[in-house]
Amino acid sequence: MSPFFKDISNFNKVSDYLPILVGVFTVETFVIFFTFTTSRSKVLEYWYKTYGLSAVMADVIIVIIGMIITRFLYPFIFKEFSIWKFVGLALGIQMTHDILFYNFFSLVPKGYNRMIDTFKKYGREVGGYAILGDSLIIIFSCLIASNLANYSFNTNIVSLLFSLYFIPYLIYHK
């Protein structure tokens, strides 16, 4: 019997990219669902309503980039795989990114980029809770990806398609 959490820390193991992609899209699907059903963030709703699939793409890609950086750095820091060490490193990378990104978009003049203007509004609306929200996304993405690495290519593709199918309906509901 394989472990519940499979090692996804090997940067050169390209077969792990599918479960990582599926894990991140699965989490993004739930984030969108909860944004429109329970979230009190008007800016987050505006983010998805205004930018649609571009918002999803931006959200998903930055999480995947963070996980790629985690996979690259992991063997330089740790000798053997632990999902909790992997999650911890991914969180450190995500928090560093969030702080650097906040400093970057704070320098961009208002009106230069609509998406960055929306980030500024979101930062004002939720403050430090933005890092908490991003941290939860990273934690669940890592856990789900590591678990999905136990499953077949077919299972991962089917799971990905379910997430991809529901996302547009969640974003464009009335």
C-alpha atoms as a PDB file:
ATOM      1  CA  MET A   1       0.000   0.000   0.000  1.00  0.00           C
ATOM      2  CA  SER A   2       1.407   3.389  -0.946  1.00  0.00           C
ATOM      3  CA  PRO A   3       1.519   6.262   1.523  1.00  0.00           C
ATOM      4  CA  PHE A   4      -1.354   8.749   1.546  1.00  0.00           C
ATOM      5  CA  PHE A   5       1.061  11.517   0.574  1.00  0.00           C
ATOM      6  CA  LYS A   6       3.477  10.667  -2.216  1.00  0.00           C
ATOM      7  CA  ASP A   7       6.820  12.411  -2.710  1.00  0.00           C
ATOM      8  CA  ILE A   8       6.342  15.327  -5.109  1.00  0.00           C
ATOM      9  CA  SER A   9       9.628  17.044  -4.227  1.00  0.00           C
ATOM     10  CA  ASN A  10      11.752  15.685  -7.084  1.00  0.00           C
ATOM     11  CA  PHE A  11      12.208  18.585  -9.498  1.00  0.00           C
ATOM     12  CA  ASN A  12      13.174  16.212 -12.332  1.00  0.00           C
ATOM     13  CA  LYS A  13      10.144  13.935 -11.985  1.00  0.00           C
ATOM     14  CA  VAL A  14       7.946  15.522 -14.640  1.00  0.00           C
ATOM     15  CA  SER A  15       5.117  13.026 -14.079  1.00  0.00           C
ATOM     16  CA  ASP A  16       4.324  14.922 -10.848  1.00  0.00           C
ATOM     17  CA  TYR A  17       3.291  18.022 -12.765  1.00  0.00           C
ATOM     18  CA  LEU A  18      -0.109  16.567 -13.660  1.00  0.00           C
ATOM     19  CA  PRO A  19      -1.163  15.893 -10.036  1.00  0.00           C
ATOM     20  CA  ILE A  20       0.210  19.327  -9.101  1.00  0.00           C
ATOM     21  CA  LEU A  21      -1.888  20.935 -11.842  1.00  0.00           C
ATOM     22  CA  VAL A  22      -4.956  18.949 -10.792  1.00  0.00           C
ATOM     23  CA  GLY A  23      -4.414  19.762  -7.111  1.00  0.00           C
ATOM     24  CA  VAL A  24      -4.144  23.484  -7.777  1.00  0.00           C
ATOM     25  CA  PHE A  25      -7.184  23.548 -10.077  1.00  0.00           C
ATOM     26  CA  THR A  26      -9.191  21.558  -7.525  1.00  0.00           C
ATOM     27  CA  VAL A  27      -8.364  24.083  -4.812  1.00  0.00           C
ATOM     28  CA  GLU A  28      -9.083  26.992  -7.178  1.00  0.00           C
ATOM     29  CA  THR A  29     -12.508  25.504  -7.937  1.00  0.00           C
ATOM     30  CA  PHE A  30     -13.342  25.476  -4.227  1.00  0.00           C
ATOM     31  CA  VAL A  31     -11.934  28.991  -3.742  1.00  0.00           C
ATOM     32  CA  ILE A  32     -14.221  30.312  -6.475  1.00  0.00           C
ATOM     33  CA  PHE A  33     -17.203  28.440  -5.041  1.00  0.00           C
ATOM     34  CA  PHE A  34     -16.594  29.784  -1.531  1.00  0.00           C
ATOM     35  CA  THR A  35     -15.927  33.289  -2.863  1.00  0.00           C
ATOM     36  CA  PHE A  36     -19.432  33.465  -4.266  1.00  0.00           C
ATOM     37  CA  THR A  37     -21.237  31.560  -1.503  1.00  0.00           C
ATOM     38  CA  THR A  38     -19.587  32.519   1.797  1.00  0.00           C
ATOM     39  CA  SER A  39     -16.884  35.139   1.207  1.00  0.00           C
ATOM     40  CA  ARG A  40     -17.367  38.633   2.456  1.00  0.00           C
ATOM     41  CA  SER A  41     -14.803  40.007   0.029  1.00  0.00           C
ATOM     42  CA  LYS A  42     -16.467  42.168  -2.580  1.00  0.00           C
ATOM     43  CA  VAL A  43     -13.093  42.726  -4.256  1.00  0.00           C
ATOM     44  CA  LEU A  44     -12.521  38.968  -4.645  1.00  0.00           C
ATOM     45  CA  GLU A  45     -15.948  38.632  -6.260  1.00  0.00           C
ATOM     46  CA  TYR A  46     -15.070  41.581  -8.504  1.00  0.00           C
ATOM     47  CA  TRP A  47     -11.741  39.868  -9.350  1.00  0.00           C
ATOM     48  CA  TYR A  48     -13.474  36.781 -10.740  1.00  0.00           C
ATOM     49  CA  LYS A  49     -16.436  38.602 -12.311  1.00  0.00           C
ATOM     50  CA  THR A  50     -14.254  41.184 -14.070  1.00  0.00           C
ATOM     51  CA  TYR A  51     -11.242  39.145 -15.124  1.00  0.00           C
ATOM     52  CA  GLY A  52     -12.930  35.736 -15.439  1.00  0.00           C
ATOM     53  CA  LEU A  53     -10.683  33.006 -16.750  1.00  0.00           C
ATOM     54  CA  SER A  54      -7.709  35.408 -16.759  1.00  0.00           C
ATOM     55  CA  ALA A  55      -8.134  35.688 -12.975  1.00  0.00           C
ATOM     56  CA  VAL A  56      -8.190  31.897 -12.701  1.00  0.00           C
ATOM     57  CA  MET A  57      -5.097  31.624 -14.885  1.00  0.00           C
ATOM     58  CA  ALA A  58      -3.210  34.189 -12.762  1.00  0.00           C
ATOM     59  CA  ASP A  59      -4.254  32.446  -9.522  1.00  0.00           C
ATOM     60  CA  VAL A  60      -3.372  28.940 -10.695  1.00  0.00           C
ATOM     61  CA  ILE A  61      -0.092  29.764 -12.407  1.00  0.00           C
ATOM     62  CA  ILE A  62       1.418  31.579  -9.422  1.00  0.00           C
ATOM     63  CA  VAL A  63       0.638  28.630  -7.138  1.00  0.00           C
ATOM     64  CA  ILE A  64       2.207  26.215  -9.637  1.00  0.00           C
ATOM     65  CA  ILE A  65       5.292  28.441  -9.960  1.00  0.00           C
ATOM     66  CA  GLY A  66       5.585  28.436  -6.164  1.00  0.00           C
ATOM     67  CA  MET A  67       5.398  24.646  -6.114  1.00  0.00           C
ATOM     68  CA  ILE A  68       8.018  24.400  -8.880  1.00  0.00           C
ATOM     69  CA  ILE A  69      10.369  26.617  -6.853  1.00  0.00           C
ATOM     70  CA  THR A  70       9.646  24.442  -3.802  1.00  0.00           C
ATOM     71  CA  ARG A  71      10.506  21.303  -5.794  1.00  0.00           C
ATOM     72  CA  PHE A  72      13.729  22.912  -6.993  1.00  0.00           C
ATOM     73  CA  LEU A  73      14.882  24.027  -3.523  1.00  0.00           C
ATOM     74  CA  TYR A  74      13.650  21.048  -1.495  1.00  0.00           C
ATOM     75  CA  PRO A  75      16.644  18.688  -1.975  1.00  0.00           C
ATOM     76  CA  PHE A  76      19.080  21.479  -1.066  1.00  0.00           C
ATOM     77  CA  ILE A  77      17.370  21.876   2.314  1.00  0.00           C
ATOM     78  CA  PHE A  78      15.987  18.431   3.211  1.00  0.00           C
ATOM     79  CA  LYS A  79      17.346  14.906   2.757  1.00  0.00           C
ATOM     80  CA  GLU A  80      14.108  12.921   2.624  1.00  0.00           C
ATOM     81  CA  PHE A  81      10.528  13.727   1.758  1.00  0.00           C
ATOM     82  CA  SER A  82       8.029  14.850   4.344  1.00  0.00           C
ATOM     83  CA  ILE A  83       4.774  16.397   3.178  1.00  0.00           C
ATOM     84  CA  TRP A  84       4.901  18.780   6.150  1.00  0.00           C
ATOM     85  CA  LYS A  85       8.414  19.969   5.293  1.00  0.00           C
ATOM     86  CA  PHE A  86       7.311  20.396   1.686  1.00  0.00           C
ATOM     87  CA  VAL A  87       4.255  22.403   2.754  1.00  0.00           C
ATOM     88  CA  GLY A  88       6.384  24.488   5.134  1.00  0.00           C
ATOM     89  CA  LEU A  89       8.892  25.343   2.415  1.00  0.00           C
ATOM     90  CA  ALA A  90       6.089  26.126  -0.034  1.00  0.00           C
ATOM     91  CA  LEU A  91       4.527  28.430   2.574  1.00  0.00           C
ATOM     92  CA  GLY A  92       7.820  30.253   3.076  1.00  0.00           C
ATOM     93  CA  ILE A  93       8.136  30.757  -0.673  1.00  0.00           C
ATOM     94  CA  GLN A  94       4.506  31.879  -0.979  1.00  0.00           C
ATOM     95  CA  MET A  95       4.787  34.385   1.878  1.00  0.00           C
ATOM     96  CA  THR A  96       8.012  35.781   0.430  1.00  0.00           C
ATOM     97  CA  HIS A  97       6.285  36.125  -2.940  1.00  0.00           C
ATOM     98  CA  ASP A  98       3.252  37.823  -1.397  1.00  0.00           C
ATOM     99  CA  ILE A  99       5.399  40.403   0.406  1.00  0.00           C
ATOM    100  CA  LEU A 100       7.567  41.099  -2.648  1.00  0.00           C
ATOM    101  CA  PHE A 101       4.527  41.253  -4.916  1.00  0.00           C
ATOM    102  CA  TYR A 102       2.777  43.663  -2.528  1.00  0.00           C
ATOM    103  CA  ASN A 103       5.851  45.904  -2.538  1.00  0.00           C
ATOM    104  CA  PHE A 104       5.974  45.734  -6.337  1.00  0.00           C
ATOM    105  CA  PHE A 105       2.332  46.557  -6.983  1.00  0.00           C
ATOM    106  CA  SER A 106       2.441  49.336  -4.392  1.00  0.00           C
ATOM    107  CA  LEU A 107       4.932  51.105  -6.666  1.00  0.00           C
ATOM    108  CA  VAL A 108       2.778  50.811  -9.781  1.00  0.00           C
ATOM    109  CA  PRO A 109       0.778  54.011 -10.351  1.00  0.00           C
ATOM    110  CA  LYS A 110      -3.010  53.745 -10.159  1.00  0.00           C
ATOM    111  CA  GLY A 111      -4.545  53.347 -13.590  1.00  0.00           C
ATOM    112  CA  TYR A 112      -1.462  51.717 -15.127  1.00  0.00           C
ATOM    113  CA  ASN A 113      -2.824  48.158 -14.851  1.00  0.00           C
ATOM    114  CA  ARG A 114      -6.410  47.258 -13.915  1.00  0.00           C
ATOM    115  CA  MET A 115      -5.496  43.913 -12.379  1.00  0.00           C
ATOM    116  CA  ILE A 116      -2.858  45.533 -10.160  1.00  0.00           C
ATOM    117  CA  ASP A 117      -5.391  48.210  -9.168  1.00  0.00           C
ATOM    118  CA  THR A 118      -7.674  45.357  -8.091  1.00  0.00           C
ATOM    119  CA  PHE A 119      -4.843  43.813  -6.019  1.00  0.00           C
ATOM    120  CA  LYS A 120      -4.423  47.155  -4.265  1.00  0.00           C
ATOM    121  CA  LYS A 121      -8.148  47.284  -3.450  1.00  0.00           C
ATOM    122  CA  TYR A 122      -8.035  43.692  -2.209  1.00  0.00           C
ATOM    123  CA  GLY A 123      -5.046  44.497   0.012  1.00  0.00           C
ATOM    124  CA  ARG A 124      -6.913  47.447   1.521  1.00  0.00           C
ATOM    125  CA  GLU A 125     -10.031  45.336   2.005  1.00  0.00           C
ATOM    126  CA  VAL A 126      -8.501  42.283   3.706  1.00  0.00           C
ATOM    127  CA  GLY A 127      -5.028  43.411   4.811  1.00  0.00           C
ATOM    128  CA  GLY A 128      -2.864  40.614   6.204  1.00  0.00           C
ATOM    129  CA  TYR A 129      -5.651  38.108   5.721  1.00  0.00           C
ATOM    130  CA  ALA A 130      -4.574  38.004   2.067  1.00  0.00           C
ATOM    131  CA  ILE A 131      -1.458  36.089   3.137  1.00  0.00           C
ATOM    132  CA  LEU A 132      -3.604  33.761   5.252  1.00  0.00           C
ATOM    133  CA  GLY A 133      -5.891  33.047   2.295  1.00  0.00           C
ATOM    134  CA  ASP A 134      -2.940  32.400  -0.011  1.00  0.00           C
ATOM    135  CA  SER A 135      -1.383  30.165   2.649  1.00  0.00           C
ATOM    136  CA  LEU A 136      -4.502  28.010   2.803  1.00  0.00           C
ATOM    137  CA  ILE A 137      -4.437  27.704  -0.981  1.00  0.00           C
ATOM    138  CA  ILE A 138      -0.799  26.556  -0.858  1.00  0.00           C
ATOM    139  CA  ILE A 139      -1.409  24.085   1.987  1.00  0.00           C
ATOM    140  CA  PHE A 140      -4.384  22.412   0.322  1.00  0.00           C
ATOM    141  CA  SER A 141      -2.775  22.460  -3.137  1.00  0.00           C
ATOM    142  CA  CYS A 142       0.313  20.667  -1.799  1.00  0.00           C
ATOM    143  CA  LEU A 143      -1.722  18.103   0.149  1.00  0.00           C
ATOM    144  CA  ILE A 144      -4.099  17.327  -2.713  1.00  0.00           C
ATOM    145  CA  ALA A 145      -1.285  17.182  -5.302  1.00  0.00           C
ATOM    146  CA  SER A 146       0.756  14.846  -3.114  1.00  0.00           C
ATOM    147  CA  ASN A 147      -2.238  12.573  -2.646  1.00  0.00           C
ATOM    148  CA  LEU A 148      -3.170  12.641  -6.344  1.00  0.00           C
ATOM    149  CA  ALA A 149       0.367  11.544  -7.236  1.00  0.00           C
ATOM    150  CA  ASN A 150      -0.740   8.109  -5.957  1.00  0.00           C
ATOM    151  CA  TYR A 151      -3.373   7.828  -8.681  1.00  0.00           C
ATOM    152  CA  SER A 152      -3.230   6.928 -12.345  1.00  0.00           C
ATOM    153  CA  PHE A 153      -2.804   9.333 -15.221  1.00  0.00           C
ATOM    154  CA  ASN A 154      -6.421   8.577 -16.156  1.00  0.00           C
ATOM    155  CA  THR A 155      -7.755   9.467 -12.689  1.00  0.00           C
ATOM    156  CA  ASN A 156      -5.802  12.731 -12.709  1.00  0.00           C
ATOM    157  CA  ILE A 157      -7.057  13.693 -16.175  1.00  0.00           C
ATOM    158  CA  VAL A 158     -10.676  12.972 -15.219  1.00  0.00           C
ATOM    159  CA  SER A 159     -10.270  15.000 -11.998  1.00  0.00           C
ATOM    160  CA  LEU A 160      -8.724  17.888 -13.933  1.00  0.00           C
ATOM    161  CA  LEU A 161     -11.567  17.876 -16.445  1.00  0.00           C
ATOM    162  CA  PHE A 162     -14.177  18.035 -13.673  1.00  0.00           C
ATOM    163  CA  SER A 163     -12.497  21.110 -12.176  1.00  0.00           C
ATOM    164  CA  LEU A 164     -12.056  22.764 -15.555  1.00  0.00           C
ATOM    165  CA  TYR A 165     -15.689  22.052 -16.407  1.00  0.00           C
ATOM    166  CA  PHE A 166     -17.100  23.682 -13.262  1.00  0.00           C
ATOM    167  CA  ILE A 167     -14.888  26.783 -13.124  1.00  0.00           C
ATOM    168  CA  PRO A 168     -16.592  28.780 -15.922  1.00  0.00           C
ATOM    169  CA  TYR A 169     -20.044  28.013 -14.508  1.00  0.00           C
ATOM    170  CA  LEU A 170     -18.950  29.175 -11.059  1.00  0.00           C
ATOM    171  CA  ILE A 171     -17.415  32.383 -12.390  1.00  0.00           C
ATOM    172  CA  TYR A 172     -20.214  33.379 -14.728  1.00  0.00           C
ATOM    173  CA  HIS A 173     -23.208  32.591 -12.537  1.00  0.00           C
ATOM    174  CA  LYS A 174     -25.650  35.433 -11.763  1.00  0.00           C
END
